[in-house]
Protein backbone atom coordinates (compact mmCIF):
# COMPACT_ATOMS: atom_id res chain seq x y z
CA UNK A 1 -9.01 -138.59 -88.12
CA UNK A 2 -10.17 -135.45 -90.18
CA UNK A 3 -9.23 -133.12 -87.81
CA UNK A 4 -7.56 -132.66 -84.14
CA UNK A 5 -7.85 -130.04 -81.48
CA UNK A 6 -5.12 -128.70 -79.03
CA UNK A 7 -6.17 -126.63 -75.98
CA UNK A 8 -4.24 -124.74 -73.66
CA UNK A 9 -7.09 -123.58 -71.23
CA UNK A 10 -5.28 -119.92 -72.85
CA UNK A 11 -5.90 -120.88 -76.78
CA UNK A 12 -7.63 -123.49 -78.94
CA UNK A 13 -6.79 -124.66 -82.67
CA UNK A 14 -7.90 -127.08 -84.72
CA UNK A 15 -6.70 -128.65 -87.69
CA UNK A 16 -7.09 -130.83 -90.38
CA UNK A 17 -5.51 -133.73 -92.18
CA UNK A 18 -6.65 -132.05 -95.70
CA UNK A 19 -3.96 -130.26 -96.12
CA UNK A 20 -2.54 -129.94 -92.30
CA UNK A 21 -4.81 -126.59 -92.46
CA UNK A 22 -5.54 -124.98 -89.52
CA UNK A 23 -9.30 -124.42 -89.53
CA UNK A 24 -9.76 -122.52 -86.30
CA UNK A 25 -7.85 -120.36 -83.42
CA UNK A 26 -10.13 -120.09 -80.30
CA UNK A 27 -9.29 -117.37 -78.07
CA UNK A 28 -10.55 -119.43 -74.22
CA UNK A 29 -13.89 -117.05 -74.33
CA UNK A 30 -14.52 -118.77 -77.71
CA UNK A 31 -13.37 -115.38 -80.06
CA UNK A 32 -12.84 -116.66 -83.03
CA UNK A 33 -9.41 -115.42 -84.52
CA UNK A 34 -9.12 -116.88 -88.43
CA UNK A 35 -11.94 -116.66 -91.17
CA UNK A 36 -14.44 -119.55 -91.49
CA UNK A 37 -13.64 -120.18 -95.44
CA UNK A 38 -17.04 -118.44 -96.56
CA UNK A 39 -18.14 -118.65 -100.29
CA UNK A 40 -15.85 -115.00 -100.43
CA UNK A 41 -13.00 -117.85 -100.29
CA UNK A 42 -13.19 -121.32 -99.41
CA UNK A 43 -10.19 -121.68 -97.16
CA UNK A 44 -8.41 -120.92 -94.20
CA UNK A 45 -5.05 -120.91 -93.77
CA UNK A 46 -3.46 -123.48 -96.77
CA UNK A 47 0.25 -123.92 -97.04
CA UNK A 48 2.10 -123.15 -100.20
CA UNK A 49 4.64 -125.91 -101.77
CA UNK A 50 6.28 -126.74 -103.29
CA UNK A 51 5.85 -123.02 -104.87
CA UNK A 52 4.39 -119.87 -103.78
CA UNK A 53 2.27 -117.80 -106.05
CA UNK A 54 2.27 -119.16 -109.71
CA UNK A 55 4.82 -120.18 -112.47
CA UNK A 56 4.36 -119.27 -115.78
CA UNK A 57 1.93 -120.75 -118.13
CA UNK A 58 1.82 -123.06 -114.63
CA UNK A 59 4.43 -124.93 -116.49
CA UNK A 60 7.37 -126.72 -114.20
CA UNK A 61 10.65 -127.49 -116.52
CA UNK A 62 13.14 -130.43 -115.39
CA UNK A 63 15.62 -132.42 -117.05
CA UNK A 64 14.21 -131.38 -120.62
CA UNK A 65 10.14 -132.70 -119.47
CA UNK A 66 7.29 -130.25 -118.54
CA UNK A 67 4.49 -130.94 -115.36
CA UNK A 68 1.75 -129.16 -114.77
CA UNK A 69 2.05 -127.26 -111.48
CA UNK A 70 -0.62 -124.83 -110.65
CA UNK A 71 -0.86 -121.55 -108.28
CA UNK A 72 0.52 -122.73 -104.86
CA UNK A 73 1.60 -126.48 -105.36
CA UNK A 74 -0.63 -129.17 -104.53
CA UNK A 75 0.14 -129.60 -101.00
CA UNK A 76 -2.81 -127.11 -99.76
CA UNK A 77 -4.85 -130.51 -101.79
CA UNK A 78 -3.16 -133.43 -100.72
CA UNK A 79 -3.98 -135.38 -97.07
CA UNK A 80 -1.24 -135.61 -94.93
CA UNK A 81 -1.03 -138.11 -91.71
CA UNK A 82 -1.31 -137.31 -88.55
CA UNK A 83 2.12 -137.90 -87.26
CA UNK A 84 1.61 -137.17 -83.51
CA UNK A 85 -0.80 -135.73 -81.16
CA UNK A 86 -0.41 -134.21 -77.60
CA UNK A 87 -3.19 -132.04 -75.69
CA UNK A 88 -1.28 -129.08 -76.49
CA UNK A 89 0.33 -130.03 -79.43
CA UNK A 90 0.57 -132.48 -83.20
CA UNK A 91 2.46 -132.91 -85.74
CA UNK A 92 1.54 -134.34 -89.71
CA UNK A 93 4.08 -134.67 -92.41
CA UNK A 94 3.35 -135.63 -96.21
CA UNK A 95 5.93 -137.67 -98.63
CA UNK A 96 6.37 -137.81 -102.20
CA UNK A 97 4.93 -139.84 -104.30
CA UNK A 98 3.34 -141.41 -107.83
CA UNK A 99 0.36 -138.58 -107.27
CA UNK A 100 3.64 -135.48 -106.38
CA UNK A 101 6.35 -137.27 -108.94
CA UNK A 102 3.73 -136.66 -111.72
CA UNK A 103 3.91 -132.61 -111.22
CA UNK A 104 6.76 -131.96 -109.52
CA UNK A 105 9.51 -134.64 -109.89
CA UNK A 106 11.54 -134.87 -106.62
CA UNK A 107 11.71 -136.67 -103.68
CA UNK A 108 10.62 -134.47 -100.75
CA UNK A 109 8.97 -135.03 -96.93
CA UNK A 110 7.16 -132.15 -95.28
CA UNK A 111 6.19 -132.13 -91.59
CA UNK A 112 3.97 -129.33 -90.44
CA UNK A 113 3.52 -129.07 -86.15
CA UNK A 114 0.63 -127.17 -84.48
CA UNK A 115 1.88 -126.07 -80.82
CA UNK A 116 0.41 -123.98 -78.11
CA UNK A 117 2.57 -122.11 -75.38
CA UNK A 118 0.30 -119.56 -73.78
CA UNK A 119 -1.51 -116.80 -76.08
CA UNK A 120 0.96 -118.51 -78.87
CA UNK A 121 0.26 -121.09 -81.65
CA UNK A 122 3.42 -121.87 -83.26
CA UNK A 123 3.35 -123.10 -86.92
CA UNK A 124 6.54 -124.65 -88.08
CA UNK A 125 7.33 -126.33 -91.53
CA UNK A 126 10.07 -128.57 -91.44
CA UNK A 127 11.03 -129.48 -94.95
CA UNK A 128 13.71 -132.69 -95.58
CA UNK A 129 15.78 -133.65 -98.78
CA UNK A 130 15.27 -137.43 -99.12
CA UNK A 131 16.17 -137.80 -102.60
CA UNK A 132 18.98 -137.94 -104.52
CA UNK A 133 19.52 -134.92 -106.52
CA UNK A 134 19.24 -131.44 -105.09
CA UNK A 135 15.61 -130.31 -103.83
CA UNK A 136 14.43 -126.78 -105.04
CA UNK A 137 11.03 -125.86 -103.13
CA UNK A 138 9.24 -122.91 -102.02
CA UNK A 139 7.51 -123.06 -99.02
CA UNK A 140 4.33 -120.23 -97.58
CA UNK A 141 1.92 -119.98 -94.49
CA UNK A 142 -1.21 -118.03 -95.95
CA UNK A 143 -3.54 -117.59 -92.94
CA UNK A 144 -6.14 -115.65 -93.16
CA UNK A 145 -8.08 -113.69 -89.79
CA UNK A 146 -11.33 -111.90 -89.60
CA UNK A 147 -11.41 -108.21 -90.84
CA UNK A 148 -12.96 -106.43 -89.00
CA UNK A 149 -11.37 -108.41 -85.60
CA UNK A 150 -14.69 -107.31 -83.37
CA UNK A 151 -18.01 -106.84 -84.98
CA UNK A 152 -19.06 -103.90 -85.81
CA UNK A 153 -15.64 -102.11 -86.11
CA UNK A 154 -15.04 -100.56 -89.64
CA UNK A 155 -12.61 -101.88 -91.35
CA UNK A 156 -10.37 -99.17 -91.63
CA UNK A 157 -10.44 -98.71 -88.34
CA UNK A 158 -7.34 -101.19 -88.25
CA UNK A 159 -3.25 -101.20 -89.12
CA UNK A 160 -0.82 -103.62 -89.74
CA UNK A 161 1.57 -102.39 -87.15
CA UNK A 162 5.61 -103.60 -88.30
CA UNK A 163 8.56 -103.90 -86.11
CA UNK A 164 10.44 -101.84 -87.81
CA UNK A 165 10.44 -99.07 -90.65
CA UNK A 166 9.01 -100.54 -93.83
CA UNK A 167 11.33 -98.19 -96.35
CA UNK A 168 11.95 -100.85 -99.34
CA UNK A 169 9.92 -100.84 -102.98
CA UNK A 170 6.84 -103.68 -102.52
CA UNK A 171 5.74 -105.36 -105.21
CA UNK A 172 2.80 -106.84 -107.17
CA UNK A 173 1.83 -109.91 -109.36
CA UNK A 174 0.65 -109.29 -113.15
CA UNK A 175 -1.10 -112.33 -114.34
CA UNK A 176 0.11 -114.53 -111.42
CA UNK A 177 2.85 -113.60 -111.97
CA UNK A 178 5.68 -111.11 -109.99
CA UNK A 179 5.76 -107.70 -112.00
CA UNK A 180 9.16 -106.25 -112.96
CA UNK A 181 8.31 -103.03 -112.25
CA UNK A 182 8.06 -102.44 -108.15
CA UNK A 183 6.18 -99.72 -106.48
CA UNK A 184 6.82 -97.10 -103.36
CA UNK A 185 5.38 -98.51 -100.07
CA UNK A 186 2.14 -97.93 -98.76
CA UNK A 187 4.02 -98.61 -95.09
CA UNK A 188 4.39 -95.26 -93.65
CA UNK A 189 7.21 -95.79 -91.31
CA UNK A 190 6.30 -98.87 -89.49
CA UNK A 191 3.10 -98.59 -89.63
CA UNK A 192 0.16 -99.57 -93.02
CA UNK A 193 -3.12 -98.03 -92.32
CA UNK A 194 -5.68 -100.67 -93.51
CA UNK A 195 -8.54 -100.43 -96.58
CA UNK A 196 -10.30 -103.14 -99.34
CA UNK A 197 -7.86 -100.42 -101.50
CA UNK A 198 -5.03 -101.21 -100.89
CA UNK A 199 -6.08 -105.48 -102.79
CA UNK A 200 -7.11 -103.52 -105.81
CA UNK A 201 -4.43 -105.24 -107.77
CA UNK A 202 -3.82 -107.58 -105.62
CA UNK A 203 -1.25 -108.83 -103.67
CA UNK A 204 0.79 -106.31 -101.19
CA UNK A 205 4.23 -108.29 -101.24
CA UNK A 206 7.45 -107.00 -99.36
CA UNK A 207 10.17 -109.21 -100.70
CA UNK A 208 12.62 -107.59 -98.43
CA UNK A 209 10.81 -107.19 -95.28
CA UNK A 210 13.32 -105.40 -92.50
CA UNK A 211 10.96 -106.27 -89.84
CA UNK A 212 10.67 -110.30 -88.66
CA UNK A 213 7.14 -109.47 -86.95
CA UNK A 214 3.42 -107.55 -87.52
CA UNK A 215 0.96 -106.63 -85.11
CA UNK A 216 -2.86 -106.49 -86.60
CA UNK A 217 -4.80 -103.63 -84.31
CA UNK A 218 -7.68 -101.70 -84.06
CA UNK A 219 -9.10 -99.78 -81.62
CA UNK A 220 -11.46 -101.94 -78.73
CA UNK A 221 -10.12 -105.37 -80.25
CA UNK A 222 -7.78 -108.08 -79.09
CA UNK A 223 -4.46 -107.72 -81.61
CA UNK A 224 -2.70 -110.13 -83.68
CA UNK A 225 1.15 -110.58 -83.93
CA UNK A 226 2.18 -112.91 -86.51
CA UNK A 227 6.01 -113.30 -86.16
CA UNK A 228 8.15 -115.70 -88.35
CA UNK A 229 12.08 -117.54 -88.65
CA UNK A 230 13.06 -118.69 -92.25
CA UNK A 231 10.91 -116.69 -94.33
CA UNK A 232 12.06 -114.25 -95.92
CA UNK A 233 9.36 -112.38 -97.86
CA UNK A 234 5.88 -111.11 -96.59
CA UNK A 235 2.42 -111.39 -98.85
CA UNK A 236 -0.33 -109.25 -97.52
CA UNK A 237 -3.70 -110.33 -99.40
CA UNK A 238 -7.60 -110.01 -99.41
CA UNK A 239 -10.00 -110.49 -102.40
CA UNK A 240 -9.68 -107.37 -104.48
CA UNK A 241 -13.35 -107.27 -104.73
CA UNK A 242 -13.48 -107.44 -100.83
CA UNK A 243 -14.23 -109.28 -98.11
CA UNK A 244 -13.68 -110.45 -94.19
CA UNK A 245 -11.05 -111.39 -93.78
CA UNK A 246 -7.03 -110.10 -93.63
CA UNK A 247 -4.19 -113.23 -94.59
CA UNK A 248 -0.59 -112.46 -93.27
CA UNK A 249 1.38 -114.68 -95.15
CA UNK A 250 5.04 -115.13 -94.32
CA UNK A 251 6.81 -116.90 -97.75
CA UNK A 252 9.90 -118.63 -98.94
CA UNK A 253 9.62 -117.88 -102.01
CA UNK A 254 7.50 -115.64 -104.43
CA UNK A 255 5.36 -116.05 -108.07
CA UNK A 256 7.93 -116.57 -111.21
CA UNK A 257 8.99 -113.40 -112.44
CA UNK A 258 6.91 -112.22 -115.33
CA UNK A 259 10.08 -112.84 -117.35
CA UNK A 260 11.15 -115.65 -116.39
CA UNK A 261 10.57 -119.02 -118.56
CA UNK A 262 13.56 -121.77 -117.67
CA UNK A 263 14.61 -124.42 -115.98
CA UNK A 264 12.67 -124.41 -112.25
CA UNK A 265 15.75 -125.04 -110.87
CA UNK A 266 17.00 -121.59 -111.40
CA UNK A 267 13.49 -119.90 -110.61
CA UNK A 268 14.83 -117.14 -108.53
CA UNK A 269 13.00 -117.36 -104.52
CA UNK A 270 13.59 -121.01 -104.33
CA UNK A 271 15.68 -123.31 -101.46
CA UNK A 272 18.20 -125.90 -102.79
CA UNK A 273 18.33 -128.66 -100.66
CA UNK A 274 21.03 -130.87 -101.10
CA UNK A 275 19.81 -134.26 -101.00
CA UNK A 276 19.68 -135.27 -96.68
CA UNK A 277 19.31 -131.77 -96.14
CA UNK A 278 16.83 -129.96 -93.35
CA UNK A 279 15.10 -126.62 -93.36
CA UNK A 280 13.04 -125.70 -90.96
CA UNK A 281 10.43 -122.67 -90.97
CA UNK A 282 7.78 -121.07 -89.24
CA UNK A 283 5.55 -117.93 -87.89
CA UNK A 284 4.02 -117.53 -84.35
CA UNK A 285 0.63 -116.19 -83.85
CA UNK A 286 0.63 -114.24 -80.76
CA UNK A 287 -3.02 -112.87 -79.67
CA UNK A 288 -2.54 -109.56 -77.74
């Protein structure tokens, strides 16, 4: 089965086996909320694993060996197995094999579950270490929502409204790596006015957000609130050249700092799961 749709009468969501990727989120009246993978960017909501962002020279060092692991990892390009399907929920899984170990020499099991409840969709990422050594990993979500939220609205009419004030500096990437120099936050209290110019220098990264939710809104359009648990950073991104989508990305981890080139297990931002350990991270999309 290539894809599966869940529906609860308020929302419907379609998930692909390839990448366990959410590829449609529609309201009961048929309004599509998710970016439909146009030529500007060919994805909808990829799963980032086992890294978020990039490693220096795309190189993972472990036990004296070098492995080639490219930006955001391999999960988004692997086919997951269907573990469970029902009317309003489904679950998929991916485990290590010879192909993944050639890129990333660790045992893992990653499950993605999708569940509709009222006007919300919850996406859970459950990472388990079935191996005999510590599992170092990051997990990230990368959902892209339509921007503008409704036809005919200017992009500049939109804003993000955070749960709490966000005074902390933001981070940027340079050459795909985390810049060493924080920048003043463009967020005005709790509110971030949106414009294409915001992404001229690529993603806006909140590496210490005070909030655990943010609302994407514009006058005359349904709002979208993204909330998260277990994730510790938030990335905001659209194409620097302009594109009709906005990515709101809860992360556990980030790109390698520009000066880091050490063993992968020492990379800043990783989770470290002992043998047998499990970690759950989730985000929730609520339509207002």
